[in-house]
Amino acid sequence: MIYALVLAAGESRRMGKPKLLLPFGDKTIIEYILDNIRQSKADRILVVLGSHQEEILSKIGARPIGMVVNHRYKEGMLSSIQTGFAALPDDASAALVYLGDQPLIPSSVADDLIEAYKQTQKGIVLPVYKKRRGHPILVDIKHRQEILGLSPDIGLRALVHNHPEDVQEVGVDTPHILKDIDNPKDYARELKKMEES
């Protein structure tokens, strides 16, 4: 089973309000992301909640999605990744780590990463656009214990750095793997891109 871990625990300090709850088309950002992932070949979705969890839960609604709460969310993104990996059930073979603020990543990116993972047997599969690595990152469950012990100073980059022989890059044709939403300017940019597509 390949799980999609959606990191949705952040405080959105730079945005000034919960960015995952901002309108995006006829949905919110978190709904848009989840519905994109549900169209992919990922088998299950697990959302890592923290700040604003009740409001985000209300938007997830009846979607068939698992949830886990990161009580250490103030410690940063790595704490959410660690919470997600710790919560993966025994049937998990790998996880796609999604940032909760990249709504325009098409489901085809996940499909390409999953296909490359199955074909190459590499434990870390990364999307690349014009030689730049982005998200989501697919990580085999064999790396779980190392992830749980990583330092928050470096984060998941340390895993990639420690295992260059186990990394597979996958070229994709969308710059959205590089674009996240941190502030109102980013939000306006992504809204415009969505409306143009």
Foldseek 3Di string as FASTA:
>chain_A
DEEEEEEQAAPLVQAVHRQQQPDFPPAGLQVLQVVQQVPAPGDAYEYEYHPPRVVVVVRCPPPRHHYDYQPVCVLDDLSSVLRVLVPDDPVHFKYFYHYSFLNPDGNVVVNQQVVCCVVVVFAWEFEDEPNDTFGGIIGTNVCNVVSNVDDSVCHPVVVCVVCVVRYHYDYDHDPSRVQGDRYPVSVVVVSVVSVVD
